[in-house]
Protein backbone atom coordinates (compact mmCIF):
# COMPACT_ATOMS: atom_id res chain seq x y z
CA MET A 1 60.25 -36.13 52.04
CA THR A 2 57.34 -34.33 50.06
CA THR A 3 57.37 -33.53 46.99
CA THR A 4 55.31 -30.57 45.52
CA VAL A 5 53.87 -30.86 41.96
CA PRO A 6 53.25 -27.46 40.23
CA ALA A 7 49.75 -27.45 39.34
CA PRO A 8 49.54 -27.17 35.20
CA SER A 9 49.35 -23.54 33.80
CA ARG A 10 46.34 -22.45 32.02
CA PRO A 11 46.54 -22.53 28.17
CA SER A 12 47.07 -19.18 26.84
CA ALA A 13 46.70 -17.85 23.41
CA ARG A 14 49.89 -15.93 23.56
CA GLY A 15 52.88 -17.50 22.39
CA GLY A 16 53.57 -21.34 22.00
CA ASP A 17 51.14 -23.65 21.29
CA ARG A 18 47.96 -21.32 21.56
CA ALA A 19 44.65 -22.01 22.78
CA GLY A 20 42.43 -23.40 20.16
CA GLY A 21 45.39 -24.30 18.19
CA GLY A 22 46.67 -22.25 15.03
CA ARG A 23 48.79 -19.68 14.64
CA PRO A 24 48.19 -16.04 13.92
CA ALA A 25 46.40 -15.82 10.68
CA ALA A 26 48.08 -14.35 7.61
CA TRP A 27 46.89 -10.90 6.62
CA GLY A 28 46.15 -12.17 3.29
CA ARG A 29 44.03 -14.80 4.35
CA ARG A 30 41.84 -12.24 6.23
CA VAL A 31 41.33 -9.94 3.10
CA LEU A 32 40.59 -13.15 1.04
CA ALA A 33 38.05 -14.05 3.68
CA THR A 34 36.49 -10.71 3.81
CA LEU A 35 36.16 -10.49 -0.28
CA LEU A 36 34.40 -14.02 0.09
CA ASP A 37 31.98 -13.02 2.52
CA SER A 38 31.25 -9.71 0.46
CA ALA A 39 30.25 -11.99 -2.46
CA VAL A 40 27.98 -13.72 -0.41
CA VAL A 41 26.33 -10.92 1.14
CA SER A 42 26.08 -9.18 -2.31
CA SER A 43 24.84 -12.14 -3.95
CA ALA A 44 22.11 -12.97 -1.32
CA THR A 45 20.91 -9.40 -1.87
CA PHE A 46 20.95 -9.71 -5.74
CA LEU A 47 18.49 -12.86 -5.56
CA ALA A 48 16.33 -11.07 -3.09
CA VAL A 49 15.70 -7.43 -4.53
CA GLY A 50 17.92 -7.35 -7.78
CA GLY A 51 20.66 -5.33 -6.33
CA GLY A 52 23.94 -5.74 -4.09
CA PRO A 53 26.33 -3.71 -1.95
CA GLY A 54 30.10 -4.05 -2.13
CA LEU A 55 32.61 -4.52 0.95
CA VAL A 56 29.59 -4.37 3.21
CA VAL A 57 31.64 -6.77 5.54
CA ALA A 58 34.19 -4.24 6.17
CA PRO A 59 32.82 -1.26 7.79
CA GLY A 60 34.23 2.19 7.19
CA LEU A 61 35.22 1.38 3.50
CA PRO A 62 33.27 3.27 0.80
CA PHE A 63 30.50 1.29 -0.75
CA ASP A 64 27.20 1.52 -2.45
CA VAL A 65 24.49 -0.33 -0.44
CA GLY A 66 21.79 0.91 -2.90
CA ASP A 67 18.19 1.85 -2.06
CA GLY A 68 16.49 0.95 1.54
CA ARG A 69 15.58 -2.39 0.36
CA GLU A 70 19.07 -3.62 -0.92
CA ALA A 71 20.44 -2.31 2.43
CA GLY A 72 18.03 -4.03 4.29
CA TRP A 73 18.50 -7.24 2.89
CA ALA A 74 22.27 -6.78 3.07
CA GLY A 75 22.20 -5.86 6.61
CA ALA A 76 20.10 -8.95 7.27
CA THR A 77 22.65 -11.29 5.45
CA LEU A 78 25.51 -9.62 7.28
CA LEU A 79 24.01 -10.14 10.71
CA LEU A 80 23.45 -13.88 9.83
CA LEU A 81 26.82 -14.37 8.85
CA LEU A 82 28.05 -12.60 12.17
CA ALA A 83 25.60 -14.79 14.11
CA ILE A 84 27.31 -17.98 12.41
CA GLN A 85 30.83 -16.38 13.26
CA ALA A 86 29.97 -15.69 16.91
CA TYR A 87 29.17 -19.25 17.96
CA THR A 88 31.80 -21.07 15.57
CA GLY A 89 34.35 -18.65 14.96
CA MET A 90 33.81 -18.64 11.26
CA THR A 91 31.92 -16.96 8.39
CA PRO A 92 31.67 -18.86 5.26
CA GLY A 93 34.61 -16.86 3.69
CA LYS A 94 36.88 -17.57 6.89
CA ARG A 95 35.98 -21.43 6.90
CA VAL A 96 36.93 -21.69 3.34
CA VAL A 97 40.59 -19.85 3.72
CA GLY A 98 40.82 -21.78 7.17
CA ILE A 99 40.83 -19.05 9.84
CA SER A 100 38.42 -18.13 12.90
CA VAL A 101 38.06 -15.46 15.13
CA VAL A 102 38.28 -16.49 18.87
CA ASP A 103 39.11 -15.35 22.37
CA ASP A 104 42.82 -14.54 22.96
CA GLU A 105 42.84 -16.59 26.41
CA SER A 106 40.26 -19.37 26.02
CA GLY A 107 40.41 -19.77 22.16
CA ARG A 108 36.84 -20.14 21.94
CA PRO A 109 34.31 -18.27 19.58
CA VAL A 110 33.29 -14.95 21.58
CA GLY A 111 29.49 -14.96 21.42
CA LEU A 112 27.07 -12.60 19.76
CA TRP A 113 27.52 -9.30 21.16
CA ARG A 114 31.21 -9.31 21.08
CA THR A 115 31.20 -10.08 17.29
CA LEU A 116 28.55 -7.31 16.82
CA VAL A 117 31.01 -4.89 18.83
CA ARG A 118 33.92 -6.15 17.14
CA TRP A 119 32.41 -5.33 13.83
CA VAL A 120 31.48 -1.67 14.67
CA ALA A 121 35.01 -1.27 16.36
CA HIS A 122 36.30 -2.00 12.77
CA LEU A 123 35.42 1.66 12.08
CA LEU A 124 38.45 2.61 13.76
CA ASP A 125 40.47 0.31 11.84
CA ALA A 126 39.02 1.99 8.68
CA LEU A 127 40.76 5.54 9.64
CA LEU A 128 43.15 5.83 6.89
CA LEU A 129 43.18 2.28 7.02
CA ILE A 130 45.97 1.81 9.41
CA GLY A 131 43.90 -0.53 11.48
CA TYR A 132 42.89 -2.87 8.57
CA LEU A 133 46.73 -2.77 7.77
CA ARG A 134 48.08 -3.23 11.18
CA PRO A 135 48.11 -7.38 11.27
CA LEU A 136 50.96 -6.78 8.55
CA TRP A 137 53.57 -5.56 11.46
CA HIS A 138 51.48 -6.64 14.83
CA ARG A 139 53.05 -9.44 16.58
CA GLU A 140 49.83 -11.16 17.23
CA ARG A 141 48.57 -10.11 13.72
CA ARG A 142 45.72 -7.73 15.43
CA THR A 143 43.72 -4.94 14.03
CA PHE A 144 42.67 -2.36 16.77
CA ALA A 145 39.39 -3.95 17.19
CA ASP A 146 40.98 -7.44 17.87
CA SER A 147 42.89 -5.65 20.56
CA MET A 148 40.01 -3.58 22.17
CA LEU A 149 37.71 -6.74 22.15
CA HIS A 150 40.76 -9.36 23.10
CA THR A 151 39.94 -11.56 20.12
CA VAL A 152 42.69 -13.10 17.67
CA VAL A 153 42.41 -14.58 14.47
CA ARG A 154 43.77 -18.10 14.23
CA SER A 155 44.95 -20.25 11.36
CA THR A 156 42.45 -23.03 12.21
CA THR A 157 38.99 -24.27 11.36
CA THR A 158 38.73 -26.29 14.71
CA PRO A 159 38.73 -23.97 17.51
CA ARG A 160 37.53 -24.96 20.97
CA PRO A 161 33.53 -24.79 20.72
CA HIS A 162 31.62 -22.08 22.65
CA SER A 163 29.77 -23.29 25.42
CA TRP A 164 26.35 -23.04 23.96
CA VAL A 165 27.53 -25.05 20.75
CA THR A 166 28.94 -27.77 23.39
CA ASN A 167 25.52 -27.75 25.10
CA LEU A 168 23.81 -28.22 21.67
CA ARG A 169 26.05 -31.09 20.89
CA ARG A 170 25.07 -32.90 23.83
CA SER A 171 21.80 -32.54 23.71
CA ARG A 172 21.62 -33.70 19.95
CA ASP A 173 23.96 -36.41 20.85
CA ALA A 174 21.59 -37.40 23.36
CA ARG A 175 18.26 -37.29 21.53
CA ALA A 176 19.09 -37.70 17.85
CA PRO A 177 22.57 -38.98 17.43
CA ARG A 178 21.82 -39.49 13.58
CA LEU A 179 21.87 -35.81 13.19
CA ARG A 180 25.75 -35.85 13.55
CA TRP A 181 27.66 -35.18 10.12
CA PRO A 182 31.57 -35.19 9.71
CA ARG A 183 33.37 -31.82 9.79
CA TRP A 184 33.82 -31.87 6.00
CA VAL A 185 30.07 -31.24 5.25
CA ALA A 186 30.44 -27.71 6.66
CA ARG A 187 33.72 -26.89 4.76
CA TYR A 188 32.43 -28.05 1.55
CA ALA A 189 28.95 -26.38 1.73
CA ALA A 190 31.29 -23.24 2.67
CA ILE A 191 33.22 -23.80 -0.59
CA SER A 192 30.03 -24.40 -2.70
CA LEU A 193 28.39 -21.26 -1.56
CA CYS A 194 31.31 -18.97 -1.83
CA THR A 195 32.24 -20.38 -5.23
CA VAL A 196 28.72 -19.46 -6.74
CA ALA A 197 28.94 -16.16 -4.99
CA VAL A 198 32.16 -15.23 -6.94
CA ALA A 199 30.78 -16.64 -9.95
CA MET A 200 27.77 -14.30 -9.84
CA SER A 201 30.07 -11.44 -8.77
CA LEU A 202 32.18 -12.00 -11.96
CA THR A 203 29.59 -12.41 -13.99
CA GLN A 204 27.57 -9.23 -14.00
CA GLY A 205 25.47 -7.88 -16.57
CA GLN A 206 22.52 -5.49 -17.45
CA GLY A 207 20.12 -4.60 -20.44
CA ARG A 208 16.69 -3.12 -20.89
CA ALA A 209 13.45 -4.24 -22.07
CA THR A 210 11.47 -1.69 -24.03
CA TRP A 211 7.64 -2.28 -24.68
CA GLY A 212 6.15 0.36 -27.24
CA PRO A 213 6.08 2.96 -28.23
CA VAL A 214 2.02 2.93 -28.56
CA LYS A 215 0.67 5.99 -30.47
CA SER A 216 -2.97 6.98 -30.17
CA VAL A 217 -5.19 9.96 -30.88
CA LEU A 218 -6.65 11.48 -27.85
CA CYS A 219 -9.18 13.99 -29.48
CA THR A 220 -9.96 16.36 -32.49
CA VAL A 221 -11.26 19.62 -32.07
CA GLU A 222 -13.27 21.34 -34.72
CA GLN A 223 -12.54 25.05 -35.15
CA ASP A 224 -15.07 27.66 -35.37
CA GLY A 225 -16.21 29.12 -38.61
CA GLY A 226 -14.22 26.01 -40.61
CA ALA A 227 -11.15 27.11 -39.72
CA GLY A 228 -9.82 23.59 -39.56
CA GLU A 229 -9.56 20.93 -36.99
CA LEU A 230 -6.84 20.31 -33.85
CA ARG A 231 -5.56 17.05 -33.10
CA ALA A 232 -4.06 16.11 -30.03
CA GLU A 233 -1.76 12.70 -29.98
CA LEU A 234 -0.23 10.69 -27.54
CA VAL A 235 2.59 8.10 -27.37
CA VAL A 236 3.64 6.16 -24.48
CA ARG A 237 6.54 3.72 -24.33
CA ARG A 238 7.82 1.61 -21.02
CA THR A 239 11.47 0.95 -20.46
CA ASP A 240 12.28 -2.09 -17.69
CA ALA A 241 15.85 -2.00 -17.03
CA TRP A 242 17.19 -5.64 -15.74
CA TYR A 243 20.22 -6.84 -14.12
CA SER A 244 21.72 -10.15 -14.43
CA ARG A 245 24.27 -12.47 -12.35
CA LEU A 246 25.19 -15.79 -13.68
CA GLY A 247 22.47 -15.88 -15.60
CA VAL A 248 20.01 -14.96 -13.13
CA ARG A 249 17.91 -11.91 -13.89
CA ARG A 250 16.49 -9.24 -11.49
CA GLY A 251 14.45 -6.36 -12.39
CA GLY A 252 15.73 -2.52 -12.05
CA GLU A 253 13.87 0.64 -12.63
CA THR A 254 10.91 1.04 -14.61
CA THR A 255 10.28 4.24 -16.21
CA TRP A 256 7.57 5.49 -18.65
CA ASP A 257 8.03 8.24 -21.53
CA VAL A 258 5.16 10.15 -22.62
CA GLY A 259 4.82 12.33 -25.30
CA VAL A 260 1.93 14.70 -26.49
CA ARG A 261 1.81 16.84 -29.59
CA TRP A 262 -0.68 19.14 -30.84
CA SER A 263 -1.05 19.54 -34.74
CA HIS A 264 -3.49 21.63 -37.21
CA SER A 265 -5.12 20.06 -40.28
CA ASP A 266 -4.09 22.97 -42.22
CA GLU A 267 -0.95 22.07 -43.76
CA ASP A 268 -0.31 25.51 -44.69
CA LEU A 269 -0.60 27.18 -41.40
CA SER A 270 2.21 29.06 -40.10
CA PRO A 271 2.39 28.83 -35.98
CA GLY A 272 2.51 31.58 -34.09
CA GLY A 273 0.17 34.64 -33.94
CA THR A 274 -3.24 32.93 -32.32
CA TRP A 275 -1.19 29.44 -31.82
CA SER A 276 1.41 29.01 -29.27
CA SER A 277 4.32 26.48 -29.71
CA SER A 278 3.82 25.44 -25.83
CA SER A 279 1.31 22.97 -24.20
CA SER A 280 0.99 21.55 -20.69
CA VAL A 281 0.30 18.10 -19.46
CA ARG A 282 -0.65 16.56 -16.18
CA PHE A 283 -1.77 13.07 -14.98
CA THR A 284 -4.73 12.15 -12.56
CA ASP A 285 -5.90 8.94 -11.10
CA LEU A 286 -8.32 7.40 -13.09
CA GLU A 287 -10.85 7.44 -10.20
CA ASN A 288 -10.30 11.06 -9.37
CA VAL A 289 -11.56 12.37 -12.54
CA GLY A 290 -13.98 15.17 -11.85
CA PRO A 291 -13.76 18.53 -10.26
CA ASP A 292 -10.88 17.50 -7.99
CA ALA A 293 -8.76 15.79 -10.83
CA GLU A 294 -5.98 18.84 -10.45
CA SER A 295 -5.12 17.03 -7.02
CA GLY A 296 -3.61 13.89 -8.32
CA PHE A 297 -0.69 14.69 -10.44
CA ALA A 298 2.04 12.23 -10.94
CA ASP A 299 5.83 13.16 -10.57
CA VAL A 300 6.86 14.11 -13.94
CA ARG A 301 10.23 14.98 -15.23
CA ASP A 302 10.87 17.03 -18.48
CA GLY A 303 13.75 16.12 -20.68
CA GLY A 304 12.89 12.69 -22.21
CA GLU A 305 13.62 12.20 -25.71
CA PRO A 306 11.13 13.04 -28.42
CA LEU A 307 9.00 9.82 -29.09
CA PHE A 308 7.05 10.77 -32.25
CA THR A 309 9.08 9.28 -35.41
CA THR A 310 6.55 10.39 -37.90
CA PRO A 311 5.55 13.82 -38.93
CA PRO A 312 2.09 14.97 -37.90
CA VAL A 313 -1.08 15.26 -40.12
CA GLY A 314 -0.77 18.87 -40.90
CA THR A 315 0.96 21.76 -39.08
CA LEU A 316 2.92 21.08 -35.90
CA LEU A 317 1.80 23.28 -33.04
CA ALA A 318 3.22 22.14 -29.76
CA GLU A 319 5.02 18.93 -28.56
CA GLU A 320 5.75 17.76 -25.15
CA SER A 321 7.91 14.68 -23.78
CA ALA A 322 8.48 13.89 -20.48
CA THR A 323 9.87 10.71 -18.43
CA THR A 324 8.34 9.57 -14.90
CA ASP A 325 9.02 6.68 -12.40
CA ASP A 326 5.04 6.35 -11.95
CA ASP A 327 2.96 3.89 -13.67
CA VAL A 328 1.22 6.24 -15.81
CA THR A 329 -1.04 3.26 -17.19
CA SER A 330 -3.21 3.89 -14.30
CA ARG A 331 -3.54 7.58 -15.22
CA MET A 332 -5.79 9.84 -17.21
CA LEU A 333 -3.69 12.20 -19.43
CA THR A 334 -5.06 15.81 -19.92
CA THR A 335 -3.07 18.01 -22.16
CA SER A 336 -3.91 21.98 -22.97
CA LEU A 337 -2.76 24.01 -25.80
CA ARG A 338 -2.15 27.39 -24.72
CA ASP A 339 -1.39 30.95 -26.12
CA ALA A 340 1.99 32.44 -25.73
CA GLY A 341 1.70 33.26 -22.29
CA GLY A 342 2.55 29.36 -21.17
CA ASP A 343 1.15 27.56 -18.14
CA ASP A 344 -0.81 30.60 -16.87
CA ALA A 345 -2.58 31.61 -20.22
CA PRO A 346 -5.75 30.47 -21.14
CA ALA A 347 -6.48 27.03 -22.42
CA LEU A 348 -7.39 27.06 -26.27
CA ALA A 349 -8.12 23.71 -26.63
CA THR A 350 -7.94 20.81 -23.79
CA CYS A 351 -8.12 17.09 -24.40
CA ALA A 352 -8.32 14.29 -21.88
CA GLY A 353 -8.07 10.43 -22.01
CA PRO A 354 -6.49 7.05 -20.44
CA VAL A 355 -3.01 6.24 -21.16
CA PRO A 356 -2.75 3.17 -23.10
CA ASP A 357 -0.75 0.37 -21.31
CA PRO A 358 2.38 -0.24 -23.67
CA ARG A 359 2.40 -4.31 -22.72
CA ALA A 360 -1.31 -4.94 -23.93
CA PRO A 361 -1.74 -7.41 -26.61
CA SER A 362 -4.17 -4.98 -28.54
CA SER A 363 -0.99 -2.38 -28.46
CA GLY A 364 1.22 -4.75 -30.98
CA ALA A 365 4.04 -3.61 -28.94
CA ARG A 366 7.14 -5.90 -29.18
CA TRP A 367 9.49 -6.33 -26.39
CA PRO A 368 13.07 -6.16 -27.86
CA PHE A 369 16.36 -7.28 -26.02
């Protein structure tokens, strides 16, 4: 009599004791892992360039990635986390909460390309947030991206290893067995990283450091026939914004406030008539002074607060203030006092001189906090 023994069935991730072990991960643990990974990305970007995005690890949700440098560092950090997940099944946040992303049949991490496509596919989950909420009622706790890429998130930190990881381990054991470390090393490293990242995200601050204002006299112009003296004064102030997390400071935007005023030595002079209450200011590169000086203007925005805190010597004729993101300490400032026609009117007097550096020791400027 012949007895036929059925072949063992292939382990399946659907139902029963699933491949790779672990039940489908709870929705709350997935959300917590996303928040932890976002803190890691944001903190790494802050340490690199002084800024950081929000929920960059959850595509489709609104967040501010800042300028190009911040977006670049955030993207590079996120790519590193996804690469780790591709071959271990876990990012640092997922390792901390005890979940992993694996193939729904083999129970192994899915590799880099499927991991990247799965991240992009989360854009579908972001539509009305239905996909992100789908694990709340789906039998296997899957988002739309999970269903499309045949992945599932399990409550385990020991999924079946990816084939590349298996080969690397064999090579390591054969050549350098001393490089093996216990599993708890990776877990506690992830816990430490996420703890620091969360602490940095919860202890944010900002402030400004101001240098100046520094005041100087650009020039004095004697009027014909002993009619008095015109004086052009310059004041400049530098403001450095900074941001801090967990006591670590990184620089932000730097701006320069520049003010120019024209006055007449006659204290009883009434502005008007010959004199105009307007002036024009331009900046040029110091090495470009000459016939072509007008080609090197800085980007100056009007609307800065008045910088002069003391009254002029004599009668005030005109006053200008502006704010710029350009470093004006490397520029030549030219100012003209004009008649009532404005910038198109002929200049009654013109002065030029280099803008002093508010941080120079000779300026006597302080750096208050």
